[in-house]
């Protein structure tokens, strides 16, 4: 029986969907609505607090998940949408383009977060 790498991409797709559905709206509310309207004090997202959060491993993992998992979800959704639209030419190129972009969008923040 031939082994498949589909479960890996489906798990990243599912995790990215959860992050996009539950965490991103909360972060958008905090940074785009609550802070500008004065619901939260300006010190809540001060540089020192965010830097100390991003310096610890739990903060690094959280930021990496919030950045990279929606990229994997989007890459998988775009790749499967191309198939649904009947675009079958260059399937391997599209696969490498979609998932390669998600991989690059994971590795760059990973390297930057490790350096903090």
PDB file of N, CA and C in Angstrom:
ATOM      1  N   UNK A   1       0.844  -1.178   0.000  1.00  0.00           N
ATOM      2  CA  UNK A   1       0.000   0.000   0.000  1.00  0.00           C
ATOM      3  C   UNK A   1       0.892   1.246   0.000  1.00  0.00           C
ATOM      4  N   UNK A   2       0.555   2.187  -0.837  1.00  0.00           N
ATOM      5  CA  UNK A   2       1.318   3.424  -0.952  1.00  0.00           C
ATOM      6  C   UNK A   2       1.022   4.337   0.239  1.00  0.00           C
ATOM      7  N   UNK A   3       2.085   4.890   0.801  1.00  0.00           N
ATOM      8  CA  UNK A   3       1.919   5.827   1.912  1.00  0.00           C
ATOM      9  C   UNK A   3       1.562   7.203   1.382  1.00  0.00           C
ATOM     10  N   UNK A   4       0.764   7.907   2.166  1.00  0.00           N
ATOM     11  CA  UNK A   4       0.319   9.231   1.754  1.00  0.00           C
ATOM     12  C   UNK A   4       0.744  10.265   2.787  1.00  0.00           C
ATOM     13  N   UNK A   5       1.038  11.462   2.319  1.00  0.00           N
ATOM     14  CA  UNK A   5       1.348  12.557   3.232  1.00  0.00           C
ATOM     15  C   UNK A   5       0.132  13.442   3.468  1.00  0.00           C
ATOM     16  N   UNK A   6      -1.031  13.040   2.964  1.00  0.00           N
ATOM     17  CA  UNK A   6      -2.265  13.821   3.131  1.00  0.00           C
ATOM     18  C   UNK A   6      -2.631  14.071   4.592  1.00  0.00           C
ATOM     19  N   UNK A   7      -2.488  13.092   5.514  1.00  0.00           N
ATOM     20  CA  UNK A   7      -2.875  13.380   6.906  1.00  0.00           C
ATOM     21  C   UNK A   7      -2.114  14.550   7.520  1.00  0.00           C
ATOM     22  N   UNK A   8      -0.871  14.733   7.117  1.00  0.00           N
ATOM     23  CA  UNK A   8      -0.089  15.856   7.648  1.00  0.00           C
ATOM     24  C   UNK A   8      -0.725  17.174   7.223  1.00  0.00           C
ATOM     25  N   UNK A   9      -1.062  17.287   5.945  1.00  0.00           N
ATOM     26  CA  UNK A   9      -1.644  18.532   5.452  1.00  0.00           C
ATOM     27  C   UNK A   9      -3.061  18.740   5.978  1.00  0.00           C
ATOM     28  N   UNK A  10      -3.807  17.651   6.144  1.00  0.00           N
ATOM     29  CA  UNK A  10      -5.158  17.788   6.697  1.00  0.00           C
ATOM     30  C   UNK A  10      -5.115  18.229   8.159  1.00  0.00           C
ATOM     31  N   UNK A  11      -4.126  17.745   8.916  1.00  0.00           N
ATOM     32  CA  UNK A  11      -4.041  18.172  10.321  1.00  0.00           C
ATOM     33  C   UNK A  11      -3.647  19.643  10.413  1.00  0.00           C
ATOM     34  N   UNK A  12      -2.721  20.090   9.556  1.00  0.00           N
ATOM     35  CA  UNK A  12      -2.365  21.509   9.539  1.00  0.00           C
ATOM     36  C   UNK A  12      -3.544  22.353   9.072  1.00  0.00           C
ATOM     37  N   UNK A  13      -4.310  21.828   8.107  1.00  0.00           N
ATOM     38  CA  UNK A  13      -5.512  22.511   7.631  1.00  0.00           C
ATOM     39  C   UNK A  13      -6.524  22.669   8.767  1.00  0.00           C
ATOM     40  N   UNK A  14      -6.760  21.597   9.514  1.00  0.00           N
ATOM     41  CA  UNK A  14      -7.721  21.654  10.624  1.00  0.00           C
ATOM     42  C   UNK A  14      -7.268  22.592  11.728  1.00  0.00           C
ATOM     43  N   UNK A  15      -5.985  22.506  12.088  1.00  0.00           N
ATOM     44  CA  UNK A  15      -5.468  23.391  13.133  1.00  0.00           C
ATOM     45  C   UNK A  15      -5.515  24.849  12.686  1.00  0.00           C
ATOM     46  N   UNK A  16      -5.219  25.096  11.428  1.00  0.00           N
ATOM     47  CA  UNK A  16      -5.298  26.464  10.907  1.00  0.00           C
ATOM     48  C   UNK A  16      -6.710  26.990  10.906  1.00  0.00           C
ATOM     49  N   UNK A  17      -7.677  26.116  10.636  1.00  0.00           N
ATOM     50  CA  UNK A  17      -9.081  26.527  10.688  1.00  0.00           C
ATOM     51  C   UNK A  17      -9.512  26.900  12.089  1.00  0.00           C
ATOM     52  N   UNK A  18      -9.044  26.139  13.079  1.00  0.00           N
ATOM     53  CA  UNK A  18      -9.377  26.449  14.476  1.00  0.00           C
ATOM     54  C   UNK A  18      -8.775  27.787  14.877  1.00  0.00           C
ATOM     55  N   UNK A  19      -7.515  28.002  14.529  1.00  0.00           N
ATOM     56  CA  UNK A  19      -6.861  29.275  14.858  1.00  0.00           C
ATOM     57  C   UNK A  19      -7.571  30.434  14.163  1.00  0.00           C
ATOM     58  N   UNK A  20      -7.901  30.250  12.886  1.00  0.00           N
ATOM     59  CA  UNK A  20      -8.566  31.321  12.138  1.00  0.00           C
ATOM     60  C   UNK A  20      -9.962  31.605  12.675  1.00  0.00           C
ATOM     61  N   UNK A  21     -10.625  30.592  13.199  1.00  0.00           N
ATOM     62  CA  UNK A  21     -11.997  30.782  13.675  1.00  0.00           C
ATOM     63  C   UNK A  21     -12.061  31.322  15.094  1.00  0.00           C
ATOM     64  N   UNK A  22     -11.128  30.925  15.951  1.00  0.00           N
ATOM     65  CA  UNK A  22     -11.240  31.286  17.361  1.00  0.00           C
ATOM     66  C   UNK A  22     -10.223  32.317  17.837  1.00  0.00           C
ATOM     67  N   UNK A  23      -8.983  32.222  17.395  1.00  0.00           N
ATOM     68  CA  UNK A  23      -7.955  33.127  17.920  1.00  0.00           C
ATOM     69  C   UNK A  23      -7.840  34.435  17.136  1.00  0.00           C
ATOM     70  N   UNK A  24      -7.891  34.374  15.828  1.00  0.00           N
ATOM     71  CA  UNK A  24      -7.730  35.604  15.037  1.00  0.00           C
ATOM     72  C   UNK A  24      -8.816  36.644  15.303  1.00  0.00           C
ATOM     73  N   UNK A  25     -10.100  36.267  15.420  1.00  0.00           N
ATOM     74  CA  UNK A  25     -11.091  37.300  15.755  1.00  0.00           C
ATOM     75  C   UNK A  25     -10.821  37.967  17.106  1.00  0.00           C
ATOM     76  N   UNK A  26     -10.346  37.182  18.082  1.00  0.00           N
ATOM     77  CA  UNK A  26     -10.024  37.755  19.384  1.00  0.00           C
ATOM     78  C   UNK A  26      -8.858  38.741  19.261  1.00  0.00           C
ATOM     79  N   UNK A  27      -7.831  38.356  18.517  1.00  0.00           N
ATOM     80  CA  UNK A  27      -6.682  39.244  18.344  1.00  0.00           C
ATOM     81  C   UNK A  27      -7.052  40.496  17.552  1.00  0.00           C
ATOM     82  N   UNK A  28      -7.912  40.346  16.557  1.00  0.00           N
ATOM     83  CA  UNK A  28      -8.377  41.511  15.799  1.00  0.00           C
ATOM     84  C   UNK A  28      -9.181  42.442  16.697  1.00  0.00           C
ATOM     85  N   UNK A  29     -10.031  41.875  17.555  1.00  0.00           N
ATOM     86  CA  UNK A  29     -10.807  42.708  18.476  1.00  0.00           C
ATOM     87  C   UNK A  29      -9.890  43.464  19.428  1.00  0.00           C
ATOM     88  N   UNK A  30      -8.912  42.769  20.002  1.00  0.00           N
ATOM     89  CA  UNK A  30      -8.019  43.407  20.978  1.00  0.00           C
ATOM     90  C   UNK A  30      -7.193  44.510  20.325  1.00  0.00           C
ATOM     91  N   UNK A  31      -6.547  44.195  19.193  1.00  0.00           N
ATOM     92  CA  UNK A  31      -5.632  45.167  18.590  1.00  0.00           C
ATOM     93  C   UNK A  31      -6.326  46.197  17.708  1.00  0.00           C
ATOM     94  N   UNK A  32      -7.480  45.869  17.153  1.00  0.00           N
ATOM     95  CA  UNK A  32      -8.131  46.773  16.215  1.00  0.00           C
ATOM     96  C   UNK A  32      -9.323  47.524  16.757  1.00  0.00           C
ATOM     97  N   UNK A  33      -9.915  47.029  17.853  1.00  0.00           N
ATOM     98  CA  UNK A  33     -11.117  47.680  18.383  1.00  0.00           C
ATOM     99  C   UNK A  33     -10.925  48.102  19.837  1.00  0.00           C
ATOM    100  N   UNK A  34     -10.589  47.144  20.704  1.00  0.00           N
ATOM    101  CA  UNK A  34     -10.544  47.421  22.142  1.00  0.00           C
ATOM    102  C   UNK A  34      -9.460  48.432  22.510  1.00  0.00           C
ATOM    103  N   UNK A  35      -8.285  48.281  21.948  1.00  0.00           N
ATOM    104  CA  UNK A  35      -7.198  49.209  22.277  1.00  0.00           C
ATOM    105  C   UNK A  35      -7.439  50.607  21.705  1.00  0.00           C
ATOM    106  N   UNK A  36      -7.797  50.758  20.425  1.00  0.00           N
ATOM    107  CA  UNK A  36      -8.038  52.116  19.900  1.00  0.00           C
ATOM    108  C   UNK A  36      -9.221  52.828  20.553  1.00  0.00           C
ATOM    109  N   UNK A  37     -10.251  52.085  20.957  1.00  0.00           N
ATOM    110  CA  UNK A  37     -11.408  52.724  21.583  1.00  0.00           C
ATOM    111  C   UNK A  37     -11.214  52.985  23.075  1.00  0.00           C
ATOM    112  N   UNK A  38     -10.093  52.563  23.621  1.00  0.00           N
ATOM    113  CA  UNK A  38      -9.813  52.808  25.026  1.00  0.00           C
ATOM    114  C   UNK A  38     -10.439  51.800  25.968  1.00  0.00           C
ATOM    115  N   UNK A  39     -10.974  50.706  25.455  1.00  0.00           N
ATOM    116  CA  UNK A  39     -11.519  49.657  26.321  1.00  0.00           C
ATOM    117  C   UNK A  39     -10.391  49.015  27.114  1.00  0.00           C
ATOM    118  N   UNK A  40      -9.238  48.860  26.482  1.00  0.00           N
ATOM    119  CA  UNK A  40      -8.039  48.364  27.153  1.00  0.00           C
ATOM    120  C   UNK A  40      -7.073  49.523  27.345  1.00  0.00           C
ATOM    121  N   UNK A  41      -6.318  49.522  28.430  1.00  0.00           N
ATOM    122  CA  UNK A  41      -5.333  50.594  28.613  1.00  0.00           C
ATOM    123  C   UNK A  41      -4.200  50.451  27.599  1.00  0.00           C
ATOM    124  N   UNK A  42      -3.587  51.557  27.208  1.00  0.00           N
ATOM    125  CA  UNK A  42      -2.489  51.496  26.223  1.00  0.00           C
ATOM    126  C   UNK A  42      -1.314  50.638  26.690  1.00  0.00           C
ATOM    127  N   UNK A  43      -1.144  50.515  27.999  1.00  0.00           N
ATOM    128  CA  UNK A  43      -0.041  49.715  28.528  1.00  0.00           C
ATOM    129  C   UNK A  43      -0.243  48.223  28.289  1.00  0.00           C
ATOM    130  N   UNK A  44      -1.456  47.820  27.916  1.00  0.00           N
ATOM    131  CA  UNK A  44      -1.741  46.397  27.717  1.00  0.00           C
ATOM    132  C   UNK A  44      -0.893  45.814  26.592  1.00  0.00           C
ATOM    133  N   UNK A  45      -0.621  46.606  25.568  1.00  0.00           N
ATOM    134  CA  UNK A  45       0.209  46.138  24.460  1.00  0.00           C
ATOM    135  C   UNK A  45       1.485  46.962  24.336  1.00  0.00           C
ATOM    136  N   UNK A  46       2.035  47.358  25.472  1.00  0.00           N
ATOM    137  CA  UNK A  46       3.290  48.105  25.464  1.00  0.00           C
ATOM    138  C   UNK A  46       4.422  47.195  24.978  1.00  0.00           C
ATOM    139  N   UNK A  47       5.448  47.812  24.439  1.00  0.00           N
ATOM    140  CA  UNK A  47       6.563  47.061  23.860  1.00  0.00           C
ATOM    141  C   UNK A  47       7.183  46.100  24.866  1.00  0.00           C
ATOM    142  N   UNK A  48       7.415  46.573  26.091  1.00  0.00           N
ATOM    143  CA  UNK A  48       8.061  45.727  27.095  1.00  0.00           C
ATOM    144  C   UNK A  48       7.233  44.484  27.398  1.00  0.00           C
ATOM    145  N   UNK A  49       5.927  44.648  27.495  1.00  0.00           N
ATOM    146  CA  UNK A  49       5.052  43.500  27.789  1.00  0.00           C
ATOM    147  C   UNK A  49       5.030  42.509  26.635  1.00  0.00           C
ATOM    148  N   UNK A  50       4.914  43.016  25.411  1.00  0.00           N
ATOM    149  CA  UNK A  50       4.872  42.128  24.251  1.00  0.00           C
ATOM    150  C   UNK A  50       6.220  41.446  24.052  1.00  0.00           C
ATOM    151  N   UNK A  51       7.306  42.174  24.280  1.00  0.00           N
ATOM    152  CA  UNK A  51       8.632  41.575  24.135  1.00  0.00           C
ATOM    153  C   UNK A  51       8.853  40.477  25.166  1.00  0.00           C
ATOM    154  N   UNK A  52       8.447  40.709  26.396  1.00  0.00           N
ATOM    155  CA  UNK A  52       8.603  39.661  27.410  1.00  0.00           C
ATOM    156  C   UNK A  52       7.713  38.458  27.098  1.00  0.00           C
ATOM    157  N   UNK A  53       6.532  38.698  26.535  1.00  0.00           N
ATOM    158  CA  UNK A  53       5.660  37.594  26.128  1.00  0.00           C
ATOM    159  C   UNK A  53       6.302  36.791  24.999  1.00  0.00           C
ATOM    160  N   UNK A  54       6.848  37.491  24.010  1.00  0.00           N
ATOM    161  CA  UNK A  54       7.444  36.809  22.859  1.00  0.00           C
ATOM    162  C   UNK A  54       8.795  36.187  23.181  1.00  0.00           C
ATOM    163  N   UNK A  55       9.396  36.554  24.299  1.00  0.00           N
ATOM    164  CA  UNK A  55      10.690  35.993  24.673  1.00  0.00           C
ATOM    165  C   UNK A  55      10.570  34.609  25.288  1.00  0.00           C
ATOM    166  N   UNK A  56       9.440  34.304  25.885  1.00  0.00           N
ATOM    167  CA  UNK A  56       9.246  32.987  26.494  1.00  0.00           C
ATOM    168  C   UNK A  56       8.767  31.969  25.467  1.00  0.00           C
ATOM    169  N   UNK A  57       9.027  30.700  25.739  1.00  0.00           N
ATOM    170  CA  UNK A  57       8.642  29.652  24.796  1.00  0.00           C
ATOM    171  C   UNK A  57       7.136  29.537  24.597  1.00  0.00           C
ATOM    172  N   UNK A  58       6.307  29.694  25.644  1.00  0.00           N
ATOM    173  CA  UNK A  58       4.859  29.655  25.369  1.00  0.00           C
ATOM    174  C   UNK A  58       4.413  30.778  24.432  1.00  0.00           C
ATOM    175  N   UNK A  59       4.974  31.964  24.597  1.00  0.00           N
ATOM    176  CA  UNK A  59       4.639  33.078  23.720  1.00  0.00           C
ATOM    177  C   UNK A  59       5.118  32.849  22.299  1.00  0.00           C
ATOM    178  N   UNK A  60       6.322  32.283  22.166  1.00  0.00           N
ATOM    179  CA  UNK A  60       6.848  31.987  20.835  1.00  0.00           C
ATOM    180  C   UNK A  60       5.974  30.963  20.126  1.00  0.00           C
ATOM    181  N   UNK A  61       5.573  29.923  20.851  1.00  0.00           N
ATOM    182  CA  UNK A  61       4.714  28.902  20.246  1.00  0.00           C
ATOM    183  C   UNK A  61       3.359  29.478  19.858  1.00  0.00           C
ATOM    184  N   UNK A  62       2.812  30.347  20.710  1.00  0.00           N
ATOM    185  CA  UNK A  62       1.528  30.976  20.399  1.00  0.00           C
ATOM    186  C   UNK A  62       1.639  31.830  19.139  1.00  0.00           C
ATOM    187  N   UNK A  63       2.666  32.668  19.078  1.00  0.00           N
ATOM    188  CA  UNK A  63       2.839  33.537  17.910  1.00  0.00           C
ATOM    189  C   UNK A  63       3.098  32.732  16.639  1.00  0.00           C
ATOM    190  N   UNK A  64       3.897  31.670  16.760  1.00  0.00           N
ATOM    191  CA  UNK A  64       4.148  30.830  15.592  1.00  0.00           C
ATOM    192  C   UNK A  64       2.863  30.165  15.117  1.00  0.00           C
ATOM    193  N   UNK A  65       2.040  29.700  16.052  1.00  0.00           N
ATOM    194  CA  UNK A  65       0.770  29.065  15.675  1.00  0.00           C
ATOM    195  C   UNK A  65      -0.171  30.068  15.021  1.00  0.00           C
ATOM    196  N   UNK A  66      -0.246  31.269  15.576  1.00  0.00           N
ATOM    197  CA  UNK A  66      -1.158  32.285  15.031  1.00  0.00           C
ATOM    198  C   UNK A  66      -0.705  32.749  13.640  1.00  0.00           C
ATOM    199  N   UNK A  67       0.596  32.733  13.400  1.00  0.00           N
ATOM    200  CA  UNK A  67       1.102  33.166  12.098  1.00  0.00           C
ATOM    201  C   UNK A  67       1.050  32.029  11.074  1.00  0.00           C
ATOM    202  N   UNK A  68       1.550  30.860  11.443  1.00  0.00           N
ATOM    203  CA  UNK A  68       1.762  29.823  10.430  1.00  0.00           C
ATOM    204  C   UNK A  68       0.552  28.931  10.169  1.00  0.00           C
ATOM    205  N   UNK A  69      -0.225  28.593  11.171  1.00  0.00           N
ATOM    206  CA  UNK A  69      -1.330  27.659  10.939  1.00  0.00           C
ATOM    207  C   UNK A  69      -2.390  28.194   9.978  1.00  0.00           C
ATOM    208  N   UNK A  70      -2.782  29.468  10.064  1.00  0.00           N
ATOM    209  CA  UNK A  70      -3.707  29.963   9.027  1.00  0.00           C
ATOM    210  C   UNK A  70      -3.099  29.949   7.617  1.00  0.00           C
ATOM    211  N   UNK A  71      -1.776  30.071   7.519  1.00  0.00           N
ATOM    212  CA  UNK A  71      -1.136  29.971   6.204  1.00  0.00           C
ATOM    213  C   UNK A  71      -1.297  28.568   5.623  1.00  0.00           C
ATOM    214  N   UNK A  72      -1.121  27.547   6.484  1.00  0.00           N
ATOM    215  CA  UNK A  72      -1.289  26.167   6.013  1.00  0.00           C
ATOM    216  C   UNK A  72      -2.740  25.906   5.637  1.00  0.00           C
ATOM    217  N   UNK A  73      -3.659  26.457   6.410  1.00  0.00           N
ATOM    218  CA  UNK A  73      -5.077  26.274   6.109  1.00  0.00           C
ATOM    219  C   UNK A  73      -5.409  26.929   4.776  1.00  0.00           C
ATOM    220  N   UNK A  74      -4.902  28.118   4.554  1.00  0.00           N
ATOM    221  CA  UNK A  74      -5.152  28.828   3.296  1.00  0.00           C
ATOM    222  C   UNK A  74      -4.507  28.113   2.116  1.00  0.00           C
ATOM    223  N   UNK A  75      -3.293  27.619   2.304  1.00  0.00           N
ATOM    224  CA  UNK A  75      -2.606  26.916   1.221  1.00  0.00           C
ATOM    225  C   UNK A  75      -3.384  25.676   0.803  1.00  0.00           C
ATOM    226  N   UNK A  76      -3.853  24.921   1.775  1.00  0.00           N
ATOM    227  CA  UNK A  76      -4.609  23.707   1.469  1.00  0.00           C
ATOM    228  C   UNK A  76      -5.934  24.053   0.796  1.00  0.00           C
ATOM    229  N   UNK A  77      -6.587  25.086   1.286  1.00  0.00           N
ATOM    230  CA  UNK A  77      -7.873  25.500   0.701  1.00  0.00           C
ATOM    231  C   UNK A  77      -7.686  25.997  -0.738  1.00  0.00           C
ATOM    232  N   UNK A  78      -6.655  26.776  -0.994  1.00  0.00           N
ATOM    233  CA  UNK A  78      -6.401  27.272  -2.350  1.00  0.00           C
ATOM    234  C   UNK A  78      -6.062  26.119  -3.288  1.00  0.00           C
ATOM    235  N   UNK A  79      -5.205  25.202  -2.828  1.00  0.00           N
ATOM    236  CA  UNK A  79      -4.818  24.077  -3.674  1.00  0.00           C
ATOM    237  C   UNK A  79      -6.024  23.218  -4.039  1.00  0.00           C
ATOM    238  N   UNK A  80      -6.875  22.916  -3.063  1.00  0.00           N
ATOM    239  CA  UNK A  80      -8.058  22.102  -3.353  1.00  0.00           C
ATOM    240  C   UNK A  80      -9.083  22.877  -4.180  1.00  0.00           C
ATOM    241  N   UNK A  81      -9.152  24.188  -4.017  1.00  0.00           N
ATOM    242  CA  UNK A  81     -10.071  24.996  -4.833  1.00  0.00           C
ATOM    243  C   UNK A  81      -9.649  24.998  -6.297  1.00  0.00           C
ATOM    244  N   UNK A  82      -8.350  25.014  -6.554  1.00  0.00           N
ATOM    245  CA  UNK A  82      -7.876  24.924  -7.935  1.00  0.00           C
ATOM    246  C   UNK A  82      -8.315  23.607  -8.566  1.00  0.00           C
ATOM    247  N   UNK A  83      -8.252  22.539  -7.791  1.00  0.00           N
ATOM    248  CA  UNK A  83      -8.716  21.239  -8.286  1.00  0.00           C
ATOM    249  C   UNK A  83     -10.221  21.264  -8.545  1.00  0.00           C
ATOM    250  N   UNK A  84     -10.973  21.868  -7.635  1.00  0.00           N
ATOM    251  CA  UNK A  84     -12.428  21.942  -7.800  1.00  0.00           C
ATOM    252  C   UNK A  84     -12.823  22.784  -9.011  1.00  0.00           C
ATOM    253  N   UNK A  85     -12.019  23.780  -9.338  1.00  0.00           N
ATOM    254  CA  UNK A  85     -12.299  24.624 -10.500  1.00  0.00           C
ATOM    255  C   UNK A  85     -11.900  23.957 -11.817  1.00  0.00           C
ATOM    256  N   UNK A  86     -11.310  22.785 -11.718  1.00  0.00           N
ATOM    257  CA  UNK A  86     -10.936  22.052 -12.922  1.00  0.00           C
ATOM    258  C   UNK A  86      -9.579  22.412 -13.471  1.00  0.00           C
ATOM    259  N   UNK A  87      -8.770  23.072 -12.676  1.00  0.00           N
ATOM    260  CA  UNK A  87      -7.421  23.430 -13.116  1.00  0.00           C
ATOM    261  C   UNK A  87      -6.504  22.275 -12.740  1.00  0.00           C
ATOM    262  N   UNK A  88      -6.199  21.444 -13.732  1.00  0.00           N
ATOM    263  CA  UNK A  88      -5.388  20.258 -13.468  1.00  0.00           C
ATOM    264  C   UNK A  88      -3.993  20.374 -14.072  1.00  0.00           C
ATOM    265  N   UNK A  89      -3.802  21.339 -14.960  1.00  0.00           N
ATOM    266  CA  UNK A  89      -2.467  21.537 -15.527  1.00  0.00           C
ATOM    267  C   UNK A  89      -1.566  22.140 -14.463  1.00  0.00           C
ATOM    268  N   UNK A  90      -0.361  21.644 -14.409  1.00  0.00           N
ATOM    269  CA  UNK A  90       0.589  22.179 -13.450  1.00  0.00           C
ATOM    270  C   UNK A  90       0.227  21.870 -12.011  1.00  0.00           C
ATOM    271  N   UNK A  91      -0.393  20.711 -11.792  1.00  0.00           N
ATOM    272  CA  UNK A  91      -0.829  20.346 -10.436  1.00  0.00           C
ATOM    273  C   UNK A  91       0.346  20.308  -9.455  1.00  0.00           C
ATOM    274  N   UNK A  92       1.448  19.720  -9.876  1.00  0.00           N
ATOM    275  CA  UNK A  92       2.615  19.641  -8.987  1.00  0.00           C
ATOM    276  C   UNK A  92       3.201  21.026  -8.731  1.00  0.00           C
ATOM    277  N   UNK A  93       3.213  21.871  -9.754  1.00  0.00           N
ATOM    278  CA  UNK A  93       3.697  23.241  -9.562  1.00  0.00           C
ATOM    279  C   UNK A  93       2.812  23.982  -8.564  1.00  0.00           C
ATOM    280  N   UNK A  94       1.488  23.837  -8.716  1.00  0.00           N
ATOM    281  CA  UNK A  94       0.556  24.494  -7.789  1.00  0.00           C
ATOM    282  C   UNK A  94       0.732  23.961  -6.375  1.00  0.00           C
ATOM    283  N   UNK A  95       0.952  22.652  -6.264  1.00  0.00           N
ATOM    284  CA  UNK A  95       1.174  22.055  -4.941  1.00  0.00           C
ATOM    285  C   UNK A  95       2.420  22.652  -4.297  1.00  0.00           C
ATOM    286  N   UNK A  96       3.512  22.697  -5.057  1.00  0.00           N
ATOM    287  CA  UNK A  96       4.747  23.255  -4.522  1.00  0.00           C
ATOM    288  C   UNK A  96       4.605  24.743  -4.211  1.00  0.00           C
ATOM    289  N   UNK A  97       3.876  25.456  -5.048  1.00  0.00           N
ATOM    290  CA  UNK A  97       3.678  26.887  -4.820  1.00  0.00           C
ATOM    291  C   UNK A  97       2.859  27.133  -3.554  1.00  0.00           C
ATOM    292  N   UNK A  98       1.744  26.437  -3.410  1.00  0.00           N
ATOM    293  CA  UNK A  98       0.871  26.642  -2.243  1.00  0.00           C
ATOM    294  C   UNK A  98       1.562  26.228  -0.951  1.00  0.00           C
ATOM    295  N   UNK A  99       2.019  24.975  -0.920  1.00  0.00           N
ATOM    296  CA  UNK A  99       2.609  24.466   0.314  1.00  0.00           C
ATOM    297  C   UNK A  99       4.002  25.027   0.562  1.00  0.00           C
ATOM    298  N   UNK A 100       4.721  25.369  -0.501  1.00  0.00           N
ATOM    299  CA  UNK A 100       6.026  26.003  -0.327  1.00  0.00           C
ATOM    300  C   UNK A 100       5.910  27.390   0.279  1.00  0.00           C
ATOM    301  N   UNK A 101       4.888  28.121  -0.138  1.00  0.00           N
ATOM    302  CA  UNK A 101       4.646  29.444   0.450  1.00  0.00           C
ATOM    303  C   UNK A 101       4.292  29.319   1.923  1.00  0.00           C
ATOM    304  N   UNK A 102       3.472  28.332   2.255  1.00  0.00           N
ATOM    305  CA  UNK A 102       3.119  28.121   3.661  1.00  0.00           C
ATOM    306  C   UNK A 102       4.347  27.699   4.466  1.00  0.00           C
ATOM    307  N   UNK A 103       5.195  26.868   3.877  1.00  0.00           N
ATOM    308  CA  UNK A 103       6.415  26.453   4.568  1.00  0.00           C
ATOM    309  C   UNK A 103       7.343  27.640   4.781  1.00  0.00           C
ATOM    310  N   UNK A 104       7.496  28.463   3.768  1.00  0.00           N
ATOM    311  CA  UNK A 104       8.323  29.664   3.899  1.00  0.00           C
ATOM    312  C   UNK A 104       7.736  30.614   4.943  1.00  0.00           C
ATOM    313  N   UNK A 105       6.404  30.738   4.945  1.00  0.00           N
ATOM    314  CA  UNK A 105       5.731  31.582   5.928  1.00  0.00           C
ATOM    315  C   UNK A 105       5.768  31.011   7.330  1.00  0.00           C
ATOM    316  N   UNK A 106       6.195  29.773   7.469  1.00  0.00           N
ATOM    317  CA  UNK A 106       6.402  29.173   8.785  1.00  0.00           C
ATOM    318  C   UNK A 106       7.858  29.296   9.213  1.00  0.00           C
ATOM    319  N   UNK A 107       8.772  29.052   8.285  1.00  0.00           N
ATOM    320  CA  UNK A 107      10.195  29.060   8.627  1.00  0.00           C
ATOM    321  C   UNK A 107      10.719  30.452   8.962  1.00  0.00           C
ATOM    322  N   UNK A 108      10.290  31.462   8.232  1.00  0.00           N
ATOM    323  CA  UNK A 108      10.781  32.822   8.502  1.00  0.00           C
ATOM    324  C   UNK A 108      10.370  33.294   9.897  1.00  0.00           C
ATOM    325  N   UNK A 109       9.079  33.191  10.292  1.00  0.00           N
ATOM    326  CA  UNK A 109       8.741  33.573  11.669  1.00  0.00           C
ATOM    327  C   UNK A 109       9.410  32.684  12.712  1.00  0.00           C
ATOM    328  N   UNK A 110       9.601  31.399  12.397  1.00  0.00           N
ATOM    329  CA  UNK A 110      10.277  30.503  13.335  1.00  0.00           C
ATOM    330  C   UNK A 110      11.692  30.987  13.607  1.00  0.00           C
ATOM    331  N   UNK A 111      12.417  31.320  12.561  1.00  0.00           N
ATOM    332  CA  UNK A 111      13.790  31.816  12.724  1.00  0.00           C
ATOM    333  C   UNK A 111      13.797  33.137  13.488  1.00  0.00           C
ATOM    334  N   UNK A 112      12.883  34.034  13.140  1.00  0.00           N
ATOM    335  CA  UNK A 112      12.839  35.332  13.821  1.00  0.00           C
ATOM    336  C   UNK A 112      12.440  35.187  15.285  1.00  0.00           C
ATOM    337  N   UNK A 113      11.517  34.282  15.584  1.00  0.00           N
ATOM    338  CA  UNK A 113      11.102  34.091  16.975  1.00  0.00           C
ATOM    339  C   UNK A 113      12.194  33.431  17.803  1.00  0.00           C
ATOM    340  N   UNK A 114      12.954  32.538  17.213  1.00  0.00           N
ATOM    341  CA  UNK A 114      14.057  31.908  17.944  1.00  0.00           C
ATOM    342  C   UNK A 114      15.116  32.946  18.297  1.00  0.00           C
ATOM    343  N   UNK A 115      15.302  33.923  17.435  1.00  0.00           N
ATOM    344  CA  UNK A 115      16.321  34.951  17.667  1.00  0.00           C
ATOM    345  C   UNK A 115      15.942  35.946  18.755  1.00  0.00           C
ATOM    346  N   UNK A 116      14.684  35.983  19.171  1.00  0.00           N
ATOM    347  CA  UNK A 116      14.265  36.942  20.209  1.00  0.00           C
ATOM    348  C   UNK A 116      14.820  36.492  21.540  1.00  0.00           C
TER     349      UNK A 116
END
